[in-house]
Amino acid sequence: QTMTNTITADAKATIEQIRRCEEAGADIIRVSCPDEESTAAFREIA
């Protein structure tokens, strides 16, 4: 596993980072959800 360190509310940046982690072989990726903006973006990210 790994964990993103982008601002989760920035769905584009978070997805781009997830893609790099997937290419490196990540099986599971954790995303921080500190606020409502993050969970709102989470749907698109997932």
ModelCIF file with pLDDT and N, C-alpha, C, O atoms, coordinates in Angstrom:
data_MODEL
#
_entry.id   MODEL 
#
_entity.id                         1 
_entity.type                       polymer 
_entity.pdbx_number_of_molecules   1 
#
_entity_poly.entity_id                      1 
_entity_poly.type                           'polypeptide(L)' 
_entity_poly.nstd_linkage                   no 
_entity_poly.nstd_monomer                   no 
_entity_poly.pdbx_seq_one_letter_code       QTMTNTITADAKATIEQIRRCEEAGADIIRVSCPDEESTAAFREIA 
_entity_poly.pdbx_seq_one_letter_code_can   QTMTNTITADAKATIEQIRRCEEAGADIIRVSCPDEESTAAFREIA 
_entity_poly.pdbx_strand_id                 A 
#
loop_
_entity_poly_seq.entity_id 
_entity_poly_seq.num 
_entity_poly_seq.mon_id 
_entity_poly_seq.hetero 
1 1  GLN n 
1 2  THR n 
1 3  MET n 
1 4  THR n 
1 5  ASN n 
1 6  THR n 
1 7  ILE n 
1 8  THR n 
1 9  ALA n 
1 10 ASP n 
1 11 ALA n 
1 12 LYS n 
1 13 ALA n 
1 14 THR n 
1 15 ILE n 
1 16 GLU n 
1 17 GLN n 
1 18 ILE n 
1 19 ARG n 
1 20 ARG n 
1 21 CYS n 
1 22 GLU n 
1 23 GLU n 
1 24 ALA n 
1 25 GLY n 
1 26 ALA n 
1 27 ASP n 
1 28 ILE n 
1 29 ILE n 
1 30 ARG n 
1 31 VAL n 
1 32 SER n 
1 33 CYS n 
1 34 PRO n 
1 35 ASP n 
1 36 GLU n 
1 37 GLU n 
1 38 SER n 
1 39 THR n 
1 40 ALA n 
1 41 ALA n 
1 42 PHE n 
1 43 ARG n 
1 44 GLU n 
1 45 ILE n 
1 46 ALA n 
#
_struct_asym.id          A 
_struct_asym.entity_id   1 
#
loop_
_ma_qa_metric.id 
_ma_qa_metric.mode 
_ma_qa_metric.name 
_ma_qa_metric.software_group_id 
_ma_qa_metric.type 
1 global pLDDT . pLDDT 
2 local  pLDDT . pLDDT 
#
_ma_qa_metric_global.metric_id      1 
_ma_qa_metric_global.metric_value   97.28 
_ma_qa_metric_global.model_id       1 
_ma_qa_metric_global.ordinal_id     1 
#
loop_
_ma_qa_metric_local.label_asym_id 
_ma_qa_metric_local.label_comp_id 
_ma_qa_metric_local.label_seq_id 
_ma_qa_metric_local.metric_id 
_ma_qa_metric_local.metric_value 
_ma_qa_metric_local.model_id 
_ma_qa_metric_local.ordinal_id 
A GLN 1  2 98.00 1 1  
A THR 2  2 98.00 1 2  
A MET 3  2 98.00 1 3  
A THR 4  2 98.00 1 4  
A ASN 5  2 97.00 1 5  
A THR 6  2 97.00 1 6  
A ILE 7  2 97.00 1 7  
A THR 8  2 98.00 1 8  
A ALA 9  2 97.00 1 9  
A ASP 10 2 98.00 1 10 
A ALA 11 2 98.00 1 11 
A LYS 12 2 98.00 1 12 
A ALA 13 2 98.00 1 13 
A THR 14 2 98.00 1 14 
A ILE 15 2 98.00 1 15 
A GLU 16 2 98.00 1 16 
A GLN 17 2 98.00 1 17 
A ILE 18 2 98.00 1 18 
A ARG 19 2 98.00 1 19 
A ARG 20 2 97.00 1 20 
A CYS 21 2 98.00 1 21 
A GLU 22 2 97.00 1 22 
A GLU 23 2 95.00 1 23 
A ALA 24 2 95.00 1 24 
A GLY 25 2 95.00 1 25 
A ALA 26 2 98.00 1 26 
A ASP 27 2 98.00 1 27 
A ILE 28 2 98.00 1 28 
A ILE 29 2 98.00 1 29 
A ARG 30 2 98.00 1 30 
A VAL 31 2 98.00 1 31 
A SER 32 2 97.00 1 32 
A CYS 33 2 96.00 1 33 
A PRO 34 2 95.00 1 34 
A ASP 35 2 95.00 1 35 
A GLU 36 2 96.00 1 36 
A GLU 37 2 97.00 1 37 
A SER 38 2 97.00 1 38 
A THR 39 2 96.00 1 39 
A ALA 40 2 97.00 1 40 
A ALA 41 2 98.00 1 41 
A PHE 42 2 97.00 1 42 
A ARG 43 2 97.00 1 43 
A GLU 44 2 98.00 1 44 
A ILE 45 2 98.00 1 45 
A ALA 46 2 98.00 1 46 
#
loop_
_atom_site.group_PDB 
_atom_site.id 
_atom_site.type_symbol 
_atom_site.label_atom_id 
_atom_site.label_alt_id 
_atom_site.label_comp_id 
_atom_site.label_asym_id 
_atom_site.label_entity_id 
_atom_site.label_seq_id 
_atom_site.pdbx_PDB_ins_code 
_atom_site.Cartn_x 
_atom_site.Cartn_y 
_atom_site.Cartn_z 
_atom_site.occupancy 
_atom_site.B_iso_or_equiv 
_atom_site.pdbx_formal_charge 
_atom_site.auth_seq_id 
_atom_site.auth_comp_id 
_atom_site.auth_asym_id 
_atom_site.auth_atom_id 
_atom_site.pdbx_PDB_model_num 
ATOM 1   N N  . GLN A 1 1  ? 0.825   -1.197 0.000   1.00 98.00 ? 1  GLN A N  1 
ATOM 2   C CA . GLN A 1 1  ? 0.000   0.000  0.000   1.00 98.00 ? 1  GLN A CA 1 
ATOM 3   C C  . GLN A 1 1  ? 0.868   1.258  0.000   1.00 98.00 ? 1  GLN A C  1 
ATOM 4   O O  . GLN A 1 1  ? 2.063   1.219  0.292   1.00 98.00 ? 1  GLN A O  1 
ATOM 5   N N  . THR A 1 2  ? 0.226   2.365  -0.335  1.00 98.00 ? 2  THR A N  1 
ATOM 6   C CA . THR A 1 2  ? 0.824   3.678  -0.142  1.00 98.00 ? 2  THR A CA 1 
ATOM 7   C C  . THR A 1 2  ? -0.306  4.654  0.134   1.00 98.00 ? 2  THR A C  1 
ATOM 8   O O  . THR A 1 2  ? -1.468  4.259  0.219   1.00 98.00 ? 2  THR A O  1 
ATOM 9   N N  . MET A 1 3  ? 0.037   5.934  0.273   1.00 98.00 ? 3  MET A N  1 
ATOM 10  C CA . MET A 1 3  ? -0.975  6.948  0.576   1.00 98.00 ? 3  MET A CA 1 
ATOM 11  C C  . MET A 1 3  ? -0.673  8.214  -0.210  1.00 98.00 ? 3  MET A C  1 
ATOM 12  O O  . MET A 1 3  ? 0.475   8.654  -0.271  1.00 98.00 ? 3  MET A O  1 
ATOM 13  N N  . THR A 1 4  ? -1.690  8.791  -0.804  1.00 98.00 ? 4  THR A N  1 
ATOM 14  C CA . THR A 1 4  ? -1.489  10.028 -1.559  1.00 98.00 ? 4  THR A CA 1 
ATOM 15  C C  . THR A 1 4  ? -1.130  11.171 -0.616  1.00 98.00 ? 4  THR A C  1 
ATOM 16  O O  . THR A 1 4  ? -1.497  11.160 0.559   1.00 98.00 ? 4  THR A O  1 
ATOM 17  N N  . ASN A 1 5  ? -0.404  12.164 -1.149  1.00 97.00 ? 5  ASN A N  1 
ATOM 18  C CA . ASN A 1 5  ? -0.091  13.346 -0.338  1.00 97.00 ? 5  ASN A CA 1 
ATOM 19  C C  . ASN A 1 5  ? -0.514  14.635 -1.031  1.00 97.00 ? 5  ASN A C  1 
ATOM 20  O O  . ASN A 1 5  ? -0.102  15.723 -0.630  1.00 97.00 ? 5  ASN A O  1 
ATOM 21  N N  . THR A 1 6  ? -1.333  14.516 -2.067  1.00 97.00 ? 6  THR A N  1 
ATOM 22  C CA . THR A 1 6  ? -1.916  15.687 -2.712  1.00 97.00 ? 6  THR A CA 1 
ATOM 23  C C  . THR A 1 6  ? -3.073  16.210 -1.856  1.00 97.00 ? 6  THR A C  1 
ATOM 24  O O  . THR A 1 6  ? -3.504  15.546 -0.914  1.00 97.00 ? 6  THR A O  1 
ATOM 25  N N  . ILE A 1 7  ? -3.565  17.394 -2.188  1.00 97.00 ? 7  ILE A N  1 
ATOM 26  C CA . ILE A 1 7  ? -4.802  17.882 -1.578  1.00 97.00 ? 7  ILE A CA 1 
ATOM 27  C C  . ILE A 1 7  ? -5.937  17.082 -2.207  1.00 97.00 ? 7  ILE A C  1 
ATOM 28  O O  . ILE A 1 7  ? -6.169  17.180 -3.412  1.00 97.00 ? 7  ILE A O  1 
ATOM 29  N N  . THR A 1 8  ? -6.644  16.295 -1.404  1.00 98.00 ? 8  THR A N  1 
ATOM 30  C CA . THR A 1 8  ? -7.642  15.385 -1.951  1.00 98.00 ? 8  THR A CA 1 
ATOM 31  C C  . THR A 1 8  ? -8.731  16.127 -2.719  1.00 98.00 ? 8  THR A C  1 
ATOM 32  O O  . THR A 1 8  ? -9.253  15.611 -3.708  1.00 98.00 ? 8  THR A O  1 
ATOM 33  N N  . ALA A 1 9  ? -9.070  17.315 -2.279  1.00 97.00 ? 9  ALA A N  1 
ATOM 34  C CA . ALA A 1 9  ? -10.091 18.095 -2.978  1.00 97.00 ? 9  ALA A CA 1 
ATOM 35  C C  . ALA A 1 9  ? -9.680  18.418 -4.411  1.00 97.00 ? 9  ALA A C  1 
ATOM 36  O O  . ALA A 1 9  ? -10.533 18.693 -5.255  1.00 97.00 ? 9  ALA A O  1 
ATOM 37  N N  . ASP A 1 10 ? -8.388  18.387 -4.688  1.00 98.00 ? 10 ASP A N  1 
ATOM 38  C CA . ASP A 1 10 ? -7.888  18.547 -6.060  1.00 98.00 ? 10 ASP A CA 1 
ATOM 39  C C  . ASP A 1 10 ? -7.911  17.171 -6.713  1.00 98.00 ? 10 ASP A C  1 
ATOM 40  O O  . ASP A 1 10 ? -6.907  16.459 -6.721  1.00 98.00 ? 10 ASP A O  1 
ATOM 41  N N  . ALA A 1 11 ? -9.058  16.810 -7.255  1.00 98.00 ? 11 ALA A N  1 
ATOM 42  C CA . ALA A 1 11 ? -9.236  15.455 -7.785  1.00 98.00 ? 11 ALA A CA 1 
ATOM 43  C C  . ALA A 1 11 ? -8.242  15.142 -8.898  1.00 98.00 ? 11 ALA A C  1 
ATOM 44  O O  . ALA A 1 11 ? -7.714  14.033 -8.961  1.00 98.00 ? 11 ALA A O  1 
ATOM 45  N N  . LYS A 1 12 ? -7.987  16.100 -9.766  1.00 98.00 ? 12 LYS A N  1 
ATOM 46  C CA . LYS A 1 12 ? -7.077  15.873 -10.902 1.00 98.00 ? 12 LYS A CA 1 
ATOM 47  C C  . LYS A 1 12 ? -5.678  15.500 -10.423 1.00 98.00 ? 12 LYS A C  1 
ATOM 48  O O  . LYS A 1 12 ? -5.101  14.515 -10.884 1.00 98.00 ? 12 LYS A O  1 
ATOM 49  N N  . ALA A 1 13 ? -5.131  16.293 -9.494  1.00 98.00 ? 13 ALA A N  1 
ATOM 50  C CA . ALA A 1 13 ? -3.785  16.018 -8.986  1.00 98.00 ? 13 ALA A CA 1 
ATOM 51  C C  . ALA A 1 13 ? -3.740  14.683 -8.249  1.00 98.00 ? 13 ALA A C  1 
ATOM 52  O O  . ALA A 1 13 ? -2.768  13.936 -8.365  1.00 98.00 ? 13 ALA A O  1 
ATOM 53  N N  . THR A 1 14 ? -4.785  14.389 -7.498  1.00 98.00 ? 14 THR A N  1 
ATOM 54  C CA . THR A 1 14 ? -4.823  13.145 -6.733  1.00 98.00 ? 14 THR A CA 1 
ATOM 55  C C  . THR A 1 14 ? -4.914  11.939 -7.659  1.00 98.00 ? 14 THR A C  1 
ATOM 56  O O  . THR A 1 14 ? -4.250  10.929 -7.426  1.00 98.00 ? 14 THR A O  1 
ATOM 57  N N  . ILE A 1 15 ? -5.722  12.034 -8.696  1.00 98.00 ? 15 ILE A N  1 
ATOM 58  C CA . ILE A 1 15 ? -5.840  10.937 -9.671  1.00 98.00 ? 15 ILE A CA 1 
ATOM 59  C C  . ILE A 1 15 ? -4.519  10.715 -10.394 1.00 98.00 ? 15 ILE A C  1 
ATOM 60  O O  . ILE A 1 15 ? -4.116  9.574  -10.619 1.00 98.00 ? 15 ILE A O  1 
ATOM 61  N N  . GLU A 1 16 ? -3.843  11.802 -10.757 1.00 98.00 ? 16 GLU A N  1 
ATOM 62  C CA . GLU A 1 16 ? -2.544  11.668 -11.432 1.00 98.00 ? 16 GLU A CA 1 
ATOM 63  C C  . GLU A 1 16 ? -1.531  10.956 -10.535 1.00 98.00 ? 16 GLU A C  1 
ATOM 64  O O  . GLU A 1 16 ? -0.753  10.126 -11.005 1.00 98.00 ? 16 GLU A O  1 
ATOM 65  N N  . GLN A 1 17 ? -1.545  11.288 -9.245  1.00 98.00 ? 17 GLN A N  1 
ATOM 66  C CA . GLN A 1 17 ? -0.620  10.631 -8.331  1.00 98.00 ? 17 GLN A CA 1 
ATOM 67  C C  . GLN A 1 17 ? -0.994  9.167  -8.135  1.00 98.00 ? 17 GLN A C  1 
ATOM 68  O O  . GLN A 1 17 ? -0.119  8.303  -8.076  1.00 98.00 ? 17 GLN A O  1 
ATOM 69  N N  . ILE A 1 18 ? -2.276  8.891  -8.036  1.00 98.00 ? 18 ILE A N  1 
ATOM 70  C CA . ILE A 1 18 ? -2.736  7.502  -7.926  1.00 98.00 ? 18 ILE A CA 1 
ATOM 71  C C  . ILE A 1 18 ? -2.285  6.704  -9.142  1.00 98.00 ? 18 ILE A C  1 
ATOM 72  O O  . ILE A 1 18 ? -1.872  5.553  -9.010  1.00 98.00 ? 18 ILE A O  1 
ATOM 73  N N  . ARG A 1 19 ? -2.362  7.305  -10.316 1.00 98.00 ? 19 ARG A N  1 
ATOM 74  C CA . ARG A 1 19 ? -1.944  6.596  -11.528 1.00 98.00 ? 19 ARG A CA 1 
ATOM 75  C C  . ARG A 1 19 ? -0.465  6.212  -11.452 1.00 98.00 ? 19 ARG A C  1 
ATOM 76  O O  . ARG A 1 19 ? -0.093  5.105  -11.840 1.00 98.00 ? 19 ARG A O  1 
ATOM 77  N N  . ARG A 1 20 ? 0.376   7.116  -10.956 1.00 97.00 ? 20 ARG A N  1 
ATOM 78  C CA . ARG A 1 20 ? 1.805   6.800  -10.831 1.00 97.00 ? 20 ARG A CA 1 
ATOM 79  C C  . ARG A 1 20 ? 2.019   5.659  -9.832  1.00 97.00 ? 20 ARG A C  1 
ATOM 80  O O  . ARG A 1 20 ? 2.875   4.800  -10.038 1.00 97.00 ? 20 ARG A O  1 
ATOM 81  N N  . CYS A 1 21 ? 1.244   5.656  -8.760  1.00 98.00 ? 21 CYS A N  1 
ATOM 82  C CA . CYS A 1 21 ? 1.365   4.593  -7.756  1.00 98.00 ? 21 CYS A CA 1 
ATOM 83  C C  . CYS A 1 21 ? 0.894   3.257  -8.319  1.00 98.00 ? 21 CYS A C  1 
ATOM 84  O O  . CYS A 1 21 ? 1.480   2.214  -8.030  1.00 98.00 ? 21 CYS A O  1 
ATOM 85  N N  . GLU A 1 22 ? -0.164  3.294  -9.122  1.00 97.00 ? 22 GLU A N  1 
ATOM 86  C CA . GLU A 1 22 ? -0.648  2.073  -9.764  1.00 97.00 ? 22 GLU A CA 1 
ATOM 87  C C  . GLU A 1 22 ? 0.407   1.510  -10.702 1.00 97.00 ? 22 GLU A C  1 
ATOM 88  O O  . GLU A 1 22 ? 0.626   0.299  -10.741 1.00 97.00 ? 22 GLU A O  1 
ATOM 89  N N  . GLU A 1 23 ? 1.061   2.386  -11.459 1.00 95.00 ? 23 GLU A N  1 
ATOM 90  C CA . GLU A 1 23 ? 2.107   1.945  -12.383 1.00 95.00 ? 23 GLU A CA 1 
ATOM 91  C C  . GLU A 1 23 ? 3.291   1.350  -11.644 1.00 95.00 ? 23 GLU A C  1 
ATOM 92  O O  . GLU A 1 23 ? 3.967   0.461  -12.162 1.00 95.00 ? 23 GLU A O  1 
ATOM 93  N N  . ALA A 1 24 ? 3.548   1.842  -10.419 1.00 95.00 ? 24 ALA A N  1 
ATOM 94  C CA . ALA A 1 24 ? 4.636   1.292  -9.606  1.00 95.00 ? 24 ALA A CA 1 
ATOM 95  C C  . ALA A 1 24 ? 4.264   -0.048 -8.991  1.00 95.00 ? 24 ALA A C  1 
ATOM 96  O O  . ALA A 1 24 ? 5.131   -0.763 -8.489  1.00 95.00 ? 24 ALA A O  1 
ATOM 97  N N  . GLY A 1 25 ? 2.956   -0.399 -9.028  1.00 95.00 ? 25 GLY A N  1 
ATOM 98  C CA . GLY A 1 25 ? 2.528   -1.711 -8.541  1.00 95.00 ? 25 GLY A CA 1 
ATOM 99  C C  . GLY A 1 25 ? 1.665   -1.706 -7.302  1.00 95.00 ? 25 GLY A C  1 
ATOM 100 O O  . GLY A 1 25 ? 1.376   -2.770 -6.755  1.00 95.00 ? 25 GLY A O  1 
ATOM 101 N N  . ALA A 1 26 ? 1.240   -0.526 -6.834  1.00 98.00 ? 26 ALA A N  1 
ATOM 102 C CA . ALA A 1 26 ? 0.431   -0.468 -5.608  1.00 98.00 ? 26 ALA A CA 1 
ATOM 103 C C  . ALA A 1 26 ? -0.816  -1.332 -5.735  1.00 98.00 ? 26 ALA A C  1 
ATOM 104 O O  . ALA A 1 26 ? -1.512  -1.287 -6.750  1.00 98.00 ? 26 ALA A O  1 
ATOM 105 N N  . ASP A 1 27 ? -1.092  -2.112 -4.706  1.00 98.00 ? 27 ASP A N  1 
ATOM 106 C CA . ASP A 1 27 ? -2.288  -2.954 -4.670  1.00 98.00 ? 27 ASP A CA 1 
ATOM 107 C C  . ASP A 1 27 ? -3.477  -2.210 -4.080  1.00 98.00 ? 27 ASP A C  1 
ATOM 108 O O  . ASP A 1 27 ? -4.619  -2.430 -4.484  1.00 98.00 ? 27 ASP A O  1 
ATOM 109 N N  . ILE A 1 28 ? -3.205  -1.329 -3.122  1.00 98.00 ? 28 ILE A N  1 
ATOM 110 C CA . ILE A 1 28 ? -4.225  -0.582 -2.400  1.00 98.00 ? 28 ILE A CA 1 
ATOM 111 C C  . ILE A 1 28 ? -3.648  0.809  -2.157  1.00 98.00 ? 28 ILE A C  1 
ATOM 112 O O  . ILE A 1 28 ? -2.457  0.945  -1.876  1.00 98.00 ? 28 ILE A O  1 
ATOM 113 N N  . ILE A 1 29 ? -4.484  1.846  -2.263  1.00 98.00 ? 29 ILE A N  1 
ATOM 114 C CA . ILE A 1 29 ? -3.996  3.208  -2.049  1.00 98.00 ? 29 ILE A CA 1 
ATOM 115 C C  . ILE A 1 29 ? -4.916  3.917  -1.062  1.00 98.00 ? 29 ILE A C  1 
ATOM 116 O O  . ILE A 1 29 ? -6.140  3.863  -1.184  1.00 98.00 ? 29 ILE A O  1 
ATOM 117 N N  . ARG A 1 30 ? -4.308  4.583  -0.085  1.00 98.00 ? 30 ARG A N  1 
ATOM 118 C CA . ARG A 1 30 ? -5.076  5.301  0.933   1.00 98.00 ? 30 ARG A CA 1 
ATOM 119 C C  . ARG A 1 30 ? -5.122  6.790  0.580   1.00 98.00 ? 30 ARG A C  1 
ATOM 120 O O  . ARG A 1 30 ? -4.142  7.367  0.109   1.00 98.00 ? 30 ARG A O  1 
ATOM 121 N N  . VAL A 1 31 ? -6.274  7.384  0.819   1.00 98.00 ? 31 VAL A N  1 
ATOM 122 C CA . VAL A 1 31 ? -6.496  8.792  0.504   1.00 98.00 ? 31 VAL A CA 1 
ATOM 123 C C  . VAL A 1 31 ? -7.070  9.479  1.736   1.00 98.00 ? 31 VAL A C  1 
ATOM 124 O O  . VAL A 1 31 ? -8.070  9.030  2.297   1.00 98.00 ? 31 VAL A O  1 
ATOM 125 N N  . SER A 1 32 ? -6.433  10.570 2.155   1.00 97.00 ? 32 SER A N  1 
ATOM 126 C CA . SER A 1 32 ? -6.888  11.275 3.344   1.00 97.00 ? 32 SER A CA 1 
ATOM 127 C C  . SER A 1 32 ? -8.166  12.066 3.043   1.00 97.00 ? 32 SER A C  1 
ATOM 128 O O  . SER A 1 32 ? -8.295  12.702 1.997   1.00 97.00 ? 32 SER A O  1 
ATOM 129 N N  . CYS A 1 33 ? -9.102  12.003 3.992   1.00 96.00 ? 33 CYS A N  1 
ATOM 130 C CA . CYS A 1 33 ? -10.377 12.726 3.852   1.00 96.00 ? 33 CYS A CA 1 
ATOM 131 C C  . CYS A 1 33 ? -10.595 13.632 5.066   1.00 96.00 ? 33 CYS A C  1 
ATOM 132 O O  . CYS A 1 33 ? -11.374 13.293 5.956   1.00 96.00 ? 33 CYS A O  1 
ATOM 133 N N  . PRO A 1 34 ? -9.915  14.778 5.107   1.00 95.00 ? 34 PRO A N  1 
ATOM 134 C CA . PRO A 1 34 ? -10.001 15.635 6.288   1.00 95.00 ? 34 PRO A CA 1 
ATOM 135 C C  . PRO A 1 34 ? -11.202 16.575 6.316   1.00 95.00 ? 34 PRO A C  1 
ATOM 136 O O  . PRO A 1 34 ? -11.519 17.133 7.367   1.00 95.00 ? 34 PRO A O  1 
ATOM 137 N N  . ASP A 1 35 ? -11.882 16.761 5.173   1.00 95.00 ? 35 ASP A N  1 
ATOM 138 C CA . ASP A 1 35 ? -12.969 17.732 5.136   1.00 95.00 ? 35 ASP A CA 1 
ATOM 139 C C  . ASP A 1 35 ? -14.001 17.318 4.092   1.00 95.00 ? 35 ASP A C  1 
ATOM 140 O O  . ASP A 1 35 ? -13.805 16.362 3.342   1.00 95.00 ? 35 ASP A O  1 
ATOM 141 N N  . GLU A 1 36 ? -15.111 18.065 4.064   1.00 96.00 ? 36 GLU A N  1 
ATOM 142 C CA . GLU A 1 36 ? -16.194 17.726 3.145   1.00 96.00 ? 36 GLU A CA 1 
ATOM 143 C C  . GLU A 1 36 ? -15.779 17.871 1.681   1.00 96.00 ? 36 GLU A C  1 
ATOM 144 O O  . GLU A 1 36 ? -16.253 17.125 0.825   1.00 96.00 ? 36 GLU A O  1 
ATOM 145 N N  . GLU A 1 37 ? -14.891 18.832 1.392   1.00 97.00 ? 37 GLU A N  1 
ATOM 146 C CA . GLU A 1 37 ? -14.411 18.998 0.018   1.00 97.00 ? 37 GLU A CA 1 
ATOM 147 C C  . GLU A 1 37 ? -13.690 17.743 -0.463  1.00 97.00 ? 37 GLU A C  1 
ATOM 148 O O  . GLU A 1 37 ? -13.780 17.367 -1.632  1.00 97.00 ? 37 GLU A O  1 
ATOM 149 N N  . SER A 1 38 ? -12.966 17.097 0.468   1.00 97.00 ? 38 SER A N  1 
ATOM 150 C CA . SER A 1 38 ? -12.233 15.876 0.129   1.00 97.00 ? 38 SER A CA 1 
ATOM 151 C C  . SER A 1 38 ? -13.180 14.723 -0.183  1.00 97.00 ? 38 SER A C  1 
ATOM 152 O O  . SER A 1 38 ? -13.014 14.027 -1.185  1.00 97.00 ? 38 SER A O  1 
ATOM 153 N N  . THR A 1 39 ? -14.173 14.525 0.679   1.00 96.00 ? 39 THR A N  1 
ATOM 154 C CA . THR A 1 39 ? -15.099 13.414 0.431   1.00 96.00 ? 39 THR A CA 1 
ATOM 155 C C  . THR A 1 39 ? -15.975 13.685 -0.795  1.00 96.00 ? 39 THR A C  1 
ATOM 156 O O  . THR A 1 39 ? -16.434 12.750 -1.450  1.00 96.00 ? 39 THR A O  1 
ATOM 157 N N  . ALA A 1 40 ? -16.205 14.966 -1.102  1.00 97.00 ? 40 ALA A N  1 
ATOM 158 C CA . ALA A 1 40 ? -16.948 15.296 -2.322  1.00 97.00 ? 40 ALA A CA 1 
ATOM 159 C C  . ALA A 1 40 ? -16.138 14.903 -3.553  1.00 97.00 ? 40 ALA A C  1 
ATOM 160 O O  . ALA A 1 40 ? -16.689 14.408 -4.536  1.00 97.00 ? 40 ALA A O  1 
ATOM 161 N N  . ALA A 1 41 ? -14.811 15.130 -3.491  1.00 98.00 ? 41 ALA A N  1 
ATOM 162 C CA . ALA A 1 41 ? -13.937 14.771 -4.616  1.00 98.00 ? 41 ALA A CA 1 
ATOM 163 C C  . ALA A 1 41 ? -13.669 13.273 -4.669  1.00 98.00 ? 41 ALA A C  1 
ATOM 164 O O  . ALA A 1 41 ? -13.302 12.735 -5.713  1.00 98.00 ? 41 ALA A O  1 
ATOM 165 N N  . PHE A 1 42 ? -13.854 12.611 -3.540  1.00 97.00 ? 42 PHE A N  1 
ATOM 166 C CA . PHE A 1 42 ? -13.500 11.188 -3.436  1.00 97.00 ? 42 PHE A CA 1 
ATOM 167 C C  . PHE A 1 42 ? -14.274 10.344 -4.450  1.00 97.00 ? 42 PHE A C  1 
ATOM 168 O O  . PHE A 1 42 ? -13.739 9.371  -4.982  1.00 97.00 ? 42 PHE A O  1 
ATOM 169 N N  . ARG A 1 43 ? -15.524 10.710 -4.721  1.00 97.00 ? 43 ARG A N  1 
ATOM 170 C CA . ARG A 1 43 ? -16.331 9.923  -5.654  1.00 97.00 ? 43 ARG A CA 1 
ATOM 171 C C  . ARG A 1 43 ? -15.677 9.872  -7.037  1.00 97.00 ? 43 ARG A C  1 
ATOM 172 O O  . ARG A 1 43 ? -15.577 8.809  -7.648  1.00 97.00 ? 43 ARG A O  1 
ATOM 173 N N  . GLU A 1 44 ? -15.236 11.029 -7.517  1.00 98.00 ? 44 GLU A N  1 
ATOM 174 C CA . GLU A 1 44 ? -14.556 11.084 -8.821  1.00 98.00 ? 44 GLU A CA 1 
ATOM 175 C C  . GLU A 1 44 ? -13.235 10.328 -8.778  1.00 98.00 ? 44 GLU A C  1 
ATOM 176 O O  . GLU A 1 44 ? -12.882 9.629  -9.728  1.00 98.00 ? 44 GLU A O  1 
ATOM 177 N N  . ILE A 1 45 ? -12.509 10.470 -7.682  1.00 98.00 ? 45 ILE A N  1 
ATOM 178 C CA . ILE A 1 45 ? -11.207 9.807  -7.536  1.00 98.00 ? 45 ILE A CA 1 
ATOM 179 C C  . ILE A 1 45 ? -11.380 8.284  -7.533  1.00 98.00 ? 45 ILE A C  1 
ATOM 180 O O  . ILE A 1 45 ? -10.619 7.567  -8.183  1.00 98.00 ? 45 ILE A O  1 
ATOM 181 N N  . ALA A 1 46 ? -12.374 7.805  -6.806  1.00 98.00 ? 46 ALA A N  1 
ATOM 182 C CA . ALA A 1 46 ? -12.603 6.356  -6.713  1.00 98.00 ? 46 ALA A CA 1 
ATOM 183 C C  . ALA A 1 46 ? -12.994 5.772  -8.061  1.00 98.00 ? 46 ALA A C  1 
ATOM 184 O O  . ALA A 1 46 ? -13.224 4.568  -8.169  1.00 98.00 ? 46 ALA A O  1 
#
